[in-house]
């Protein structure tokens, strides 16, 4: 008889706890983690050869070197487009551009504009993985470190 009483008591306790109330998740439980999307600062912007070449005028006083041969300081040889531009009405007076795989790899400009104005003119930010170094007469904007001036041993116009 004791077993029946204990069983009946247990059943009544269980039924009392199972009312029509909604079961709530423990507030101390951690929230599910989200997969981190790369922020804009982590995404390196790309400027294509086609869009840059369409926007700016090539400098007729200098030769262009499509698929020109570059030798890097470590001896590596790479082919890339080496082209000079003018933009008297824009944010630079003169620019030498290197395009690798159809994308701007390095841009060296002569300008009196500020770094912020150059960023605005190109539609980039130095925090986008792009390096903007001041030079004596402007800026060197580096998208691909291999083509930084300090890393190039010979330019296409320096071969025999």
C-alpha atoms as a PDB file:
ATOM      1  CA  UNK A   1       0.000   0.000   0.000  1.00  0.00           C
ATOM      2  CA  UNK A   2       2.950   2.349   0.699  1.00  0.00           C
ATOM      3  CA  UNK A   3       4.137   1.886  -2.879  1.00  0.00           C
ATOM      4  CA  UNK A   4       0.763   2.994  -4.234  1.00  0.00           C
ATOM      5  CA  UNK A   5       0.738   6.097  -2.032  1.00  0.00           C
ATOM      6  CA  UNK A   6       4.301   7.028  -3.027  1.00  0.00           C
ATOM      7  CA  UNK A   7       3.488   6.408  -6.703  1.00  0.00           C
ATOM      8  CA  UNK A   8       0.309   8.502  -6.488  1.00  0.00           C
ATOM      9  CA  UNK A   9       2.218  11.304  -4.726  1.00  0.00           C
ATOM     10  CA  UNK A  10       4.945  11.247  -7.349  1.00  0.00           C
ATOM     11  CA  UNK A  11       2.439  11.350 -10.194  1.00  0.00           C
ATOM     12  CA  UNK A  12       0.571  14.280  -8.606  1.00  0.00           C
ATOM     13  CA  UNK A  13       3.846  16.221  -8.153  1.00  0.00           C
ATOM     14  CA  UNK A  14       4.788  15.621 -11.782  1.00  0.00           C
ATOM     15  CA  UNK A  15       1.356  16.675 -13.003  1.00  0.00           C
ATOM     16  CA  UNK A  16       1.450  19.838 -10.877  1.00  0.00           C
ATOM     17  CA  UNK A  17       4.720  20.847 -12.539  1.00  0.00           C
ATOM     18  CA  UNK A  18       3.369  20.245 -16.039  1.00  0.00           C
ATOM     19  CA  UNK A  19       0.766  22.984 -16.156  1.00  0.00           C
ATOM     20  CA  UNK A  20      -0.082  25.061 -19.173  1.00  0.00           C
ATOM     21  CA  UNK A  21       2.892  27.371 -18.559  1.00  0.00           C
ATOM     22  CA  UNK A  22       5.489  27.617 -21.302  1.00  0.00           C
ATOM     23  CA  UNK A  23       8.847  26.105 -20.482  1.00  0.00           C
ATOM     24  CA  UNK A  24      11.473  28.878 -20.592  1.00  0.00           C
ATOM     25  CA  UNK A  25      15.097  28.449 -21.602  1.00  0.00           C
ATOM     26  CA  UNK A  26      17.570  28.984 -18.795  1.00  0.00           C
ATOM     27  CA  UNK A  27      18.680  32.607 -19.053  1.00  0.00           C
ATOM     28  CA  UNK A  28      22.242  31.659 -18.128  1.00  0.00           C
ATOM     29  CA  UNK A  29      22.628  29.466 -21.208  1.00  0.00           C
ATOM     30  CA  UNK A  30      24.954  31.015 -23.803  1.00  0.00           C
ATOM     31  CA  UNK A  31      23.460  32.417 -26.983  1.00  0.00           C
ATOM     32  CA  UNK A  32      24.332  30.587 -30.196  1.00  0.00           C
ATOM     33  CA  UNK A  33      27.436  32.002 -31.870  1.00  0.00           C
ATOM     34  CA  UNK A  34      27.235  33.563 -35.304  1.00  0.00           C
ATOM     35  CA  UNK A  35      29.738  32.959 -38.077  1.00  0.00           C
ATOM     36  CA  UNK A  36      31.806  36.110 -38.398  1.00  0.00           C
ATOM     37  CA  UNK A  37      31.435  37.839 -41.732  1.00  0.00           C
ATOM     38  CA  UNK A  38      34.542  39.679 -42.916  1.00  0.00           C
ATOM     39  CA  UNK A  39      34.234  43.381 -42.241  1.00  0.00           C
ATOM     40  CA  UNK A  40      34.813  45.931 -44.976  1.00  0.00           C
ATOM     41  CA  UNK A  41      38.178  46.707 -43.396  1.00  0.00           C
ATOM     42  CA  UNK A  42      39.271  43.100 -43.978  1.00  0.00           C
ATOM     43  CA  UNK A  43      38.222  43.041 -47.612  1.00  0.00           C
ATOM     44  CA  UNK A  44      40.829  44.360 -49.993  1.00  0.00           C
ATOM     45  CA  UNK A  45      39.298  46.598 -52.637  1.00  0.00           C
ATOM     46  CA  UNK A  46      40.006  45.953 -56.264  1.00  0.00           C
ATOM     47  CA  UNK A  47      40.350  48.472 -59.036  1.00  0.00           C
ATOM     48  CA  UNK A  48      40.403  46.783 -62.415  1.00  0.00           C
ATOM     49  CA  UNK A  49      42.545  47.776 -65.353  1.00  0.00           C
ATOM     50  CA  UNK A  50      39.429  48.316 -67.492  1.00  0.00           C
ATOM     51  CA  UNK A  51      37.776  50.759 -65.081  1.00  0.00           C
ATOM     52  CA  UNK A  52      41.001  52.697 -64.349  1.00  0.00           C
ATOM     53  CA  UNK A  53      42.037  52.890 -68.015  1.00  0.00           C
ATOM     54  CA  UNK A  54      38.563  54.104 -68.994  1.00  0.00           C
ATOM     55  CA  UNK A  55      38.530  56.795 -66.302  1.00  0.00           C
ATOM     56  CA  UNK A  56      42.023  58.270 -66.826  1.00  0.00           C
ATOM     57  CA  UNK A  57      43.997  59.417 -69.855  1.00  0.00           C
ATOM     58  CA  UNK A  58      47.220  57.631 -70.773  1.00  0.00           C
ATOM     59  CA  UNK A  59      50.238  59.914 -70.900  1.00  0.00           C
ATOM     60  CA  UNK A  60      51.237  60.103 -74.594  1.00  0.00           C
ATOM     61  CA  UNK A  61      54.782  61.238 -73.680  1.00  0.00           C
ATOM     62  CA  UNK A  62      55.648  57.843 -72.179  1.00  0.00           C
ATOM     63  CA  UNK A  63      55.643  54.322 -73.568  1.00  0.00           C
ATOM     64  CA  UNK A  64      53.200  51.810 -72.166  1.00  0.00           C
ATOM     65  CA  UNK A  65      54.402  48.322 -71.347  1.00  0.00           C
ATOM     66  CA  UNK A  66      51.479  45.911 -71.577  1.00  0.00           C
ATOM     67  CA  UNK A  67      52.633  42.601 -70.138  1.00  0.00           C
ATOM     68  CA  UNK A  68      55.987  44.188 -69.261  1.00  0.00           C
ATOM     69  CA  UNK A  69      58.693  42.221 -67.472  1.00  0.00           C
ATOM     70  CA  UNK A  70      59.425  43.104 -63.828  1.00  0.00           C
ATOM     71  CA  UNK A  71      62.252  41.640 -61.785  1.00  0.00           C
ATOM     72  CA  UNK A  72      61.716  41.679 -58.041  1.00  0.00           C
ATOM     73  CA  UNK A  73      64.473  42.009 -55.420  1.00  0.00           C
ATOM     74  CA  UNK A  74      64.339  38.253 -54.724  1.00  0.00           C
ATOM     75  CA  UNK A  75      65.024  37.517 -58.425  1.00  0.00           C
ATOM     76  CA  UNK A  76      61.438  36.579 -59.289  1.00  0.00           C
ATOM     77  CA  UNK A  77      60.312  37.743 -62.726  1.00  0.00           C
ATOM     78  CA  UNK A  78      56.672  38.693 -63.275  1.00  0.00           C
ATOM     79  CA  UNK A  79      54.791  40.126 -66.218  1.00  0.00           C
ATOM     80  CA  UNK A  80      52.414  42.998 -65.537  1.00  0.00           C
ATOM     81  CA  UNK A  81      51.081  46.074 -67.337  1.00  0.00           C
ATOM     82  CA  UNK A  82      53.087  49.253 -66.669  1.00  0.00           C
ATOM     83  CA  UNK A  83      51.262  52.362 -67.870  1.00  0.00           C
ATOM     84  CA  UNK A  84      51.594  56.126 -67.240  1.00  0.00           C
ATOM     85  CA  UNK A  85      48.544  58.388 -66.840  1.00  0.00           C
ATOM     86  CA  UNK A  86      47.698  62.089 -66.573  1.00  0.00           C
ATOM     87  CA  UNK A  87      44.675  63.591 -64.828  1.00  0.00           C
ATOM     88  CA  UNK A  88      45.119  67.354 -64.720  1.00  0.00           C
ATOM     89  CA  UNK A  89      41.565  67.967 -63.504  1.00  0.00           C
ATOM     90  CA  UNK A  90      41.435  65.180 -60.908  1.00  0.00           C
ATOM     91  CA  UNK A  91      43.277  64.187 -57.775  1.00  0.00           C
ATOM     92  CA  UNK A  92      46.678  63.625 -59.428  1.00  0.00           C
ATOM     93  CA  UNK A  93      48.836  65.290 -62.082  1.00  0.00           C
ATOM     94  CA  UNK A  94      50.780  62.216 -63.165  1.00  0.00           C
ATOM     95  CA  UNK A  95      50.595  58.526 -62.271  1.00  0.00           C
ATOM     96  CA  UNK A  96      52.490  55.351 -63.015  1.00  0.00           C
ATOM     97  CA  UNK A  97      50.293  52.287 -62.644  1.00  0.00           C
ATOM     98  CA  UNK A  98      51.092  48.594 -62.448  1.00  0.00           C
ATOM     99  CA  UNK A  99      48.287  46.136 -63.194  1.00  0.00           C
ATOM    100  CA  UNK A 100      48.713  42.459 -62.386  1.00  0.00           C
ATOM    101  CA  UNK A 101      46.082  39.885 -63.381  1.00  0.00           C
ATOM    102  CA  UNK A 102      43.835  42.717 -64.576  1.00  0.00           C
ATOM    103  CA  UNK A 103      43.858  44.525 -61.213  1.00  0.00           C
ATOM    104  CA  UNK A 104      45.682  47.599 -59.954  1.00  0.00           C
ATOM    105  CA  UNK A 105      48.718  46.380 -57.993  1.00  0.00           C
ATOM    106  CA  UNK A 106      50.474  49.709 -57.428  1.00  0.00           C
ATOM    107  CA  UNK A 107      49.811  53.336 -58.227  1.00  0.00           C
ATOM    108  CA  UNK A 108      52.426  56.021 -57.754  1.00  0.00           C
ATOM    109  CA  UNK A 109      51.035  59.524 -58.147  1.00  0.00           C
ATOM    110  CA  UNK A 110      52.294  63.077 -58.234  1.00  0.00           C
ATOM    111  CA  UNK A 111      49.783  65.272 -56.438  1.00  0.00           C
ATOM    112  CA  UNK A 112      49.339  68.156 -54.029  1.00  0.00           C
ATOM    113  CA  UNK A 113      46.176  66.558 -52.591  1.00  0.00           C
ATOM    114  CA  UNK A 114      45.961  65.041 -49.115  1.00  0.00           C
ATOM    115  CA  UNK A 115      45.863  61.308 -48.421  1.00  0.00           C
ATOM    116  CA  UNK A 116      42.143  61.632 -47.605  1.00  0.00           C
ATOM    117  CA  UNK A 117      41.490  63.295 -50.980  1.00  0.00           C
ATOM    118  CA  UNK A 118      43.451  60.546 -52.750  1.00  0.00           C
ATOM    119  CA  UNK A 119      41.449  57.878 -50.914  1.00  0.00           C
ATOM    120  CA  UNK A 120      38.221  59.609 -51.918  1.00  0.00           C
ATOM    121  CA  UNK A 121      39.376  59.968 -55.523  1.00  0.00           C
ATOM    122  CA  UNK A 122      40.124  56.244 -55.787  1.00  0.00           C
ATOM    123  CA  UNK A 123      37.196  55.145 -53.646  1.00  0.00           C
ATOM    124  CA  UNK A 124      39.419  53.303 -51.152  1.00  0.00           C
ATOM    125  CA  UNK A 125      40.567  53.544 -47.546  1.00  0.00           C
ATOM    126  CA  UNK A 126      44.018  52.738 -46.253  1.00  0.00           C
ATOM    127  CA  UNK A 127      42.251  50.494 -43.729  1.00  0.00           C
ATOM    128  CA  UNK A 128      40.987  48.305 -46.605  1.00  0.00           C
ATOM    129  CA  UNK A 129      44.281  46.423 -46.757  1.00  0.00           C
ATOM    130  CA  UNK A 130      45.753  49.056 -49.044  1.00  0.00           C
ATOM    131  CA  UNK A 131      48.988  50.773 -48.096  1.00  0.00           C
ATOM    132  CA  UNK A 132      49.211  54.509 -48.835  1.00  0.00           C
ATOM    133  CA  UNK A 133      52.739  55.825 -48.405  1.00  0.00           C
ATOM    134  CA  UNK A 134      53.624  59.489 -48.812  1.00  0.00           C
ATOM    135  CA  UNK A 135      56.482  60.261 -51.195  1.00  0.00           C
ATOM    136  CA  UNK A 136      58.401  63.458 -51.838  1.00  0.00           C
ATOM    137  CA  UNK A 137      55.915  64.509 -54.553  1.00  0.00           C
ATOM    138  CA  UNK A 138      52.748  62.534 -53.805  1.00  0.00           C
ATOM    139  CA  UNK A 139      51.828  59.013 -52.763  1.00  0.00           C
ATOM    140  CA  UNK A 140      52.512  55.388 -53.513  1.00  0.00           C
ATOM    141  CA  UNK A 141      49.337  53.320 -53.182  1.00  0.00           C
ATOM    142  CA  UNK A 142      50.126  49.620 -52.849  1.00  0.00           C
ATOM    143  CA  UNK A 143      47.500  46.934 -53.401  1.00  0.00           C
ATOM    144  CA  UNK A 144      50.001  44.078 -53.911  1.00  0.00           C
ATOM    145  CA  UNK A 145      53.208  44.243 -51.830  1.00  0.00           C
ATOM    146  CA  UNK A 146      55.183  42.449 -54.542  1.00  0.00           C
ATOM    147  CA  UNK A 147      54.930  45.593 -56.663  1.00  0.00           C
ATOM    148  CA  UNK A 148      55.966  48.123 -54.012  1.00  0.00           C
ATOM    149  CA  UNK A 149      58.772  50.276 -55.439  1.00  0.00           C
ATOM    150  CA  UNK A 150      61.191  49.041 -52.750  1.00  0.00           C
ATOM    151  CA  UNK A 151      60.573  45.453 -53.866  1.00  0.00           C
ATOM    152  CA  UNK A 152      61.204  45.983 -57.599  1.00  0.00           C
ATOM    153  CA  UNK A 153      64.725  45.545 -58.927  1.00  0.00           C
ATOM    154  CA  UNK A 154      63.985  46.230 -62.623  1.00  0.00           C
ATOM    155  CA  UNK A 155      61.010  47.836 -64.337  1.00  0.00           C
ATOM    156  CA  UNK A 156      59.919  46.981 -67.915  1.00  0.00           C
ATOM    157  CA  UNK A 157      61.496  50.170 -69.272  1.00  0.00           C
ATOM    158  CA  UNK A 158      64.920  49.198 -67.791  1.00  0.00           C
ATOM    159  CA  UNK A 159      65.568  46.074 -69.888  1.00  0.00           C
ATOM    160  CA  UNK A 160      67.908  46.274 -72.913  1.00  0.00           C
END
